[in-house]
Amino acid sequence: MASSWKRIENYWTKDLDKSFFVDRTTVAPYPSMEEGFFPCKPEIPVDLDIYYSGEIYKANTFKKENDDGTRKTPLYRIRFTDDLHEQIKKDYPECEIVDKSEIRDLNYKIWFNKKRNKFYELSISKGSYGELKKEVYGDNKKFEDQLRVRQEHNVRNSKYQKYFKEKLKIIWNNECPITQISDIKLLIGAHIKPFAKCNPSEAFDEFNGILLSPNIDLVFELGYVSFTDDGKVLLSNEIDKVLLNKLGINEKQRIKFQEHHAKYLGWHRREHKF
């Protein structure tokens, strides 16, 4: 039901329930429409683009639908395309083999993050905040810890690591901007602000990442190299610059960052005292 939705940080989330598997829909929450997150109560279908697991799925529809006369007020549903529906079922086959009434017991949640008008990120995670929090933090009830547990649980999962790297491939054109290595198997989806220090929206933000060769990833993570907002390479005084040059790093290089990278680059410079 729409009332089961919750707003957490930049996300709207709810349990993945049987409506998704029965008719590939989910009901949108009224508050999200009033806030402008989802389109506001459209009378005609609106197409939504949804980014899921490295792919963009177009023509998912958002529209008003009656509920066979069982409700006095209309429902506003997101209806997923067949190809997106099939991909999610392929990723989570256990949801298909159980009785539909037991899907809620599997404890999967669906997450929406709005990136721009009519364009959304979709992700799915297993486990409630309470269960994950108790597993990692015991009886700690701090809300910030619950957020961190979900974020760390997702990022450490190989599926989500792949998801983050796929997003970086688009921005960095499948290439390390320092070494120009373009064999994607040899590149790492590196966070600028480490995931352990991120909130969930930062952890999956494609502007919080650079596609790097392993040697560059290591020296960047250790704080021996950083960048200005306009892409100038900064070298730490705590490491031999000749050694960095041997790794393919020099101060004459310039990296083409976008405006949204700036807040993460600023964090990295402050953290490593550049």
Protein backbone atom coordinates (compact mmCIF):
# COMPACT_ATOMS: atom_id res chain seq x y z
CA MET A 1 0.00 0.00 0.00
CA ALA A 2 1.03 3.61 -0.58
CA SER A 3 1.02 4.29 3.15
CA SER A 4 3.94 1.86 3.62
CA TRP A 5 6.32 4.25 1.84
CA LYS A 6 8.91 6.17 3.84
CA ARG A 7 11.14 9.11 2.99
CA ILE A 8 14.78 8.58 4.04
CA GLU A 9 17.36 11.13 2.96
CA ASN A 10 16.91 11.55 -0.83
CA TYR A 11 15.08 8.24 -1.17
CA TRP A 12 11.51 7.02 -1.10
CA THR A 13 11.36 3.35 -0.08
CA LYS A 14 8.84 0.61 0.64
CA ASP A 15 8.63 -3.15 0.91
CA LEU A 16 8.79 -4.99 -2.39
CA ASP A 17 5.33 -6.55 -2.37
CA LYS A 18 3.28 -8.89 -4.50
CA SER A 19 1.86 -6.15 -6.76
CA PHE A 20 5.22 -5.94 -8.49
CA PHE A 21 5.23 -9.64 -9.36
CA VAL A 22 1.50 -9.94 -10.08
CA ASP A 23 1.08 -6.96 -12.43
CA ARG A 24 4.52 -5.20 -12.38
CA THR A 25 3.21 -2.12 -10.59
CA THR A 26 3.71 -0.25 -7.36
CA VAL A 27 1.49 2.41 -5.83
CA ALA A 28 3.13 5.82 -5.39
CA PRO A 29 2.75 7.73 -2.10
CA TYR A 30 0.67 10.92 -2.09
CA PRO A 31 3.26 12.91 -0.06
CA SER A 32 5.92 12.21 -2.70
CA MET A 33 3.69 13.79 -5.34
CA GLU A 34 2.95 16.82 -3.18
CA GLU A 35 6.72 17.28 -2.68
CA GLY A 36 7.39 17.05 -6.41
CA PHE A 37 9.36 13.80 -6.15
CA PHE A 38 6.95 11.86 -8.39
CA PRO A 39 4.77 13.78 -10.90
CA CYS A 40 1.80 15.41 -9.21
CA LYS A 41 -1.35 13.34 -9.77
CA PRO A 42 -1.29 13.07 -13.57
CA GLU A 43 -4.59 12.55 -15.36
CA ILE A 44 -2.84 11.12 -18.41
CA PRO A 45 0.09 8.66 -18.31
CA VAL A 46 3.57 10.14 -17.78
CA ASP A 47 6.67 8.29 -18.99
CA LEU A 48 9.48 7.79 -16.46
CA ASP A 49 13.07 6.79 -17.24
CA ILE A 50 14.48 4.42 -14.61
CA TYR A 51 18.17 3.63 -14.13
CA TYR A 52 18.66 0.15 -12.70
CA SER A 53 21.82 -1.95 -12.43
CA GLY A 54 23.74 -0.12 -15.14
CA GLU A 55 20.90 0.21 -17.66
CA ILE A 56 18.30 2.90 -18.42
CA TYR A 57 14.77 1.60 -18.93
CA LYS A 58 12.47 4.04 -20.70
CA ALA A 59 8.69 4.35 -20.94
CA ASN A 60 7.77 3.13 -17.46
CA THR A 61 4.39 4.77 -16.89
CA PHE A 62 3.05 6.80 -13.99
CA LYS A 63 -0.72 7.21 -14.09
CA LYS A 64 -3.98 7.34 -12.20
CA GLU A 65 -5.74 3.99 -12.00
CA ASN A 66 -8.93 2.90 -10.33
CA ASP A 67 -8.75 -0.08 -8.01
CA ASP A 68 -11.82 -2.06 -9.18
CA GLY A 69 -14.10 0.06 -7.05
CA THR A 70 -12.56 -0.98 -3.73
CA ARG A 71 -11.29 2.52 -2.92
CA LYS A 72 -13.05 5.88 -2.92
CA THR A 73 -9.91 7.75 -3.97
CA PRO A 74 -7.85 6.96 -7.08
CA LEU A 75 -4.45 5.29 -6.88
CA TYR A 76 -1.39 6.52 -8.72
CA ARG A 77 0.72 3.64 -9.93
CA ILE A 78 4.12 3.20 -11.46
CA ARG A 79 3.89 0.47 -14.07
CA PHE A 80 7.27 -1.00 -14.99
CA THR A 81 8.21 -2.06 -18.50
CA ASP A 82 8.46 -5.76 -19.28
CA ASP A 83 12.24 -5.66 -19.70
CA LEU A 84 12.84 -3.93 -16.35
CA HIS A 85 10.39 -6.27 -14.66
CA GLU A 86 12.16 -9.31 -16.11
CA GLN A 87 15.61 -8.04 -15.11
CA ILE A 88 14.56 -7.55 -11.49
CA LYS A 89 13.01 -11.02 -11.40
CA LYS A 90 16.26 -12.40 -12.81
CA ASP A 91 18.27 -10.60 -10.11
CA TYR A 92 15.96 -11.78 -7.31
CA PRO A 93 14.59 -15.18 -8.41
CA GLU A 94 13.74 -16.15 -4.84
CA CYS A 95 10.90 -13.63 -4.95
CA GLU A 96 9.30 -15.53 -7.82
CA ILE A 97 9.35 -18.99 -6.32
CA VAL A 98 7.52 -18.17 -3.09
CA ASP A 99 3.82 -17.82 -2.68
CA LYS A 100 2.93 -14.21 -3.52
CA SER A 101 1.41 -13.66 -0.09
CA GLU A 102 4.81 -14.42 1.47
CA ILE A 103 6.86 -11.91 -0.52
CA ARG A 104 6.74 -9.38 2.31
CA ASP A 105 8.35 -11.97 4.58
CA LEU A 106 11.44 -12.02 2.33
CA ASN A 107 12.11 -8.48 3.54
CA TYR A 108 13.21 -6.85 0.27
CA LYS A 109 12.85 -3.10 -0.15
CA ILE A 110 12.58 -1.04 -3.29
CA TRP A 111 14.32 2.38 -3.37
CA PHE A 112 13.75 5.38 -5.65
CA ASN A 113 16.17 8.31 -5.92
CA LYS A 114 15.21 11.19 -8.20
CA LYS A 115 18.13 12.35 -10.35
CA ARG A 116 16.31 14.85 -12.53
CA ASN A 117 12.84 15.46 -13.96
CA LYS A 118 11.15 12.13 -14.74
CA PHE A 119 14.46 10.28 -14.31
CA TYR A 120 14.99 7.97 -11.33
CA GLU A 121 17.49 5.51 -9.91
CA LEU A 122 15.97 2.25 -8.73
CA SER A 123 17.66 -0.17 -6.34
CA ILE A 124 16.57 -3.11 -4.24
CA SER A 125 18.03 -4.22 -0.92
CA LYS A 126 17.36 -7.02 1.53
CA GLY A 127 16.91 -6.54 5.25
CA SER A 128 15.26 -3.92 7.41
CA TYR A 129 17.19 -1.20 9.18
CA GLY A 130 16.39 -2.85 12.47
CA GLU A 131 17.78 -6.25 11.51
CA LEU A 132 20.93 -4.86 9.89
CA LYS A 133 21.49 -2.46 12.74
CA LYS A 134 21.20 -5.22 15.35
CA GLU A 135 23.56 -7.47 13.38
CA VAL A 136 26.29 -4.82 13.14
CA TYR A 137 25.64 -2.37 15.96
CA GLY A 138 23.84 -4.47 18.57
CA ASP A 139 21.33 -2.36 20.44
CA ASN A 140 22.56 0.98 19.14
CA LYS A 141 19.39 2.85 18.12
CA LYS A 142 20.96 5.94 16.55
CA PHE A 143 19.27 6.78 13.25
CA GLU A 144 22.62 7.71 11.66
CA ASP A 145 23.95 4.22 12.40
CA GLN A 146 20.95 2.62 10.74
CA LEU A 147 21.62 4.63 7.59
CA ARG A 148 25.27 3.64 7.61
CA VAL A 149 24.47 -0.05 8.02
CA ARG A 150 22.28 -0.07 4.93
CA GLN A 151 24.84 1.91 2.98
CA GLU A 152 27.74 -0.36 3.96
CA HIS A 153 25.66 -3.49 3.43
CA ASN A 154 24.85 -2.39 -0.11
CA VAL A 155 28.24 -1.06 -1.18
CA ARG A 156 30.13 -4.11 0.06
CA ASN A 157 27.80 -6.34 -1.92
CA SER A 158 29.48 -7.18 -5.26
CA LYS A 159 26.26 -6.47 -7.14
CA TYR A 160 26.23 -2.91 -5.87
CA GLN A 161 29.94 -2.46 -6.53
CA LYS A 162 29.25 -3.43 -10.13
CA TYR A 163 26.27 -1.06 -10.19
CA PHE A 164 28.46 1.87 -9.04
CA LYS A 165 31.18 1.05 -11.57
CA GLU A 166 28.65 0.89 -14.39
CA LYS A 167 27.58 4.44 -13.57
CA LEU A 168 31.19 5.64 -13.61
CA LYS A 169 31.78 4.02 -17.01
CA ILE A 170 29.25 6.43 -18.51
CA ILE A 171 30.84 9.55 -17.00
CA TRP A 172 34.46 8.57 -17.67
CA ASN A 173 33.92 7.00 -21.08
CA ASN A 174 35.28 3.60 -19.97
CA GLU A 175 38.73 5.06 -19.30
CA CYS A 176 41.04 6.02 -16.43
CA PRO A 177 41.56 9.79 -16.88
CA ILE A 178 45.14 9.57 -15.54
CA THR A 179 46.60 6.56 -17.36
CA GLN A 180 44.12 6.40 -20.28
CA ILE A 181 43.84 2.64 -19.72
CA SER A 182 40.53 1.61 -21.30
CA ASP A 183 40.34 -2.11 -20.49
CA ILE A 184 37.41 -1.99 -18.08
CA LYS A 185 38.50 -5.25 -16.41
CA LEU A 186 41.61 -3.46 -15.14
CA LEU A 187 39.80 -0.39 -13.78
CA ILE A 188 38.33 0.28 -10.34
CA GLY A 189 35.22 2.30 -9.53
CA ALA A 190 36.87 4.49 -6.86
CA HIS A 191 34.92 6.62 -4.41
CA ILE A 192 36.22 10.16 -3.85
CA LYS A 193 34.60 10.33 -0.43
CA PRO A 194 34.95 6.75 0.91
CA PHE A 195 31.71 4.80 1.32
CA ALA A 196 32.37 4.30 5.04
CA LYS A 197 32.01 8.05 5.48
CA CYS A 198 29.06 8.55 3.13
CA ASN A 199 25.35 8.71 3.68
CA PRO A 200 23.38 6.42 1.33
CA SER A 201 22.77 9.02 -1.37
CA GLU A 202 26.48 9.94 -1.45
CA ALA A 203 27.52 6.28 -1.59
CA PHE A 204 25.77 5.71 -4.94
CA ASP A 205 26.22 9.18 -6.44
CA GLU A 206 28.11 8.79 -9.70
CA PHE A 207 29.76 12.17 -9.09
CA ASN A 208 31.39 10.70 -5.98
CA GLY A 209 33.58 8.46 -8.09
CA ILE A 210 36.41 8.19 -10.60
CA LEU A 211 37.26 5.26 -12.84
CA LEU A 212 40.92 4.55 -11.95
CA SER A 213 43.75 2.15 -12.70
CA PRO A 214 44.64 0.10 -9.58
CA ASN A 215 47.92 1.93 -8.88
CA ILE A 216 46.20 5.34 -9.12
CA ASP A 217 43.30 4.13 -6.99
CA LEU A 218 45.71 3.16 -4.19
CA VAL A 219 47.63 6.44 -4.03
CA PHE A 220 44.36 8.41 -4.30
CA GLU A 221 42.78 6.40 -1.47
CA LEU A 222 45.87 6.95 0.71
CA GLY A 223 45.70 10.68 0.08
CA TYR A 224 49.00 11.07 -1.78
CA VAL A 225 47.18 12.52 -4.79
CA SER A 226 44.17 14.82 -5.01
CA PHE A 227 42.62 17.23 -7.52
CA THR A 228 41.39 20.79 -7.71
CA ASP A 229 37.80 21.36 -8.81
CA ASP A 230 39.04 22.25 -12.29
CA GLY A 231 41.10 19.06 -12.53
CA LYS A 232 44.63 20.08 -11.65
CA VAL A 233 46.65 17.22 -10.10
CA LEU A 234 47.85 17.85 -6.53
CA LEU A 235 50.74 15.81 -5.11
CA SER A 236 51.34 15.26 -1.41
CA ASN A 237 54.63 16.27 0.22
CA GLU A 238 54.55 12.97 2.10
CA ILE A 239 55.58 10.85 -0.88
CA ASP A 240 58.43 10.99 -3.36
CA LYS A 241 57.22 12.76 -6.51
CA VAL A 242 59.70 10.74 -8.58
CA LEU A 243 57.91 7.61 -7.42
CA LEU A 244 54.55 9.09 -8.38
CA ASN A 245 55.94 9.94 -11.81
CA LYS A 246 56.95 6.30 -12.25
CA LEU A 247 53.33 5.39 -11.54
CA GLY A 248 52.25 7.68 -14.34
CA ILE A 249 51.21 10.69 -12.22
CA ASN A 250 52.56 14.22 -12.71
CA GLU A 251 51.44 17.75 -11.89
CA LYS A 252 51.03 18.75 -15.54
CA GLN A 253 48.00 16.50 -16.02
CA ARG A 254 44.47 17.92 -16.02
CA ILE A 255 41.32 15.91 -15.37
CA LYS A 256 37.95 16.98 -16.73
CA PHE A 257 35.58 16.97 -13.77
CA GLN A 258 31.97 18.12 -13.77
CA GLU A 259 30.41 20.69 -11.46
CA HIS A 260 28.79 18.05 -9.22
CA HIS A 261 32.19 16.48 -8.45
CA ALA A 262 33.27 19.61 -6.56
CA LYS A 263 31.79 18.87 -3.14
CA TYR A 264 33.45 15.44 -3.03
CA LEU A 265 36.79 16.76 -4.29
CA GLY A 266 36.63 19.46 -1.60
CA TRP A 267 36.06 16.79 1.03
CA HIS A 268 39.05 14.78 -0.25
CA ARG A 269 41.39 17.80 -0.17
CA ARG A 270 40.31 18.73 3.36
CA GLU A 271 40.58 15.17 4.60
CA HIS A 272 44.14 14.79 3.28
CA LYS A 273 45.23 18.36 4.08
CA PHE A 274 45.95 19.68 0.62
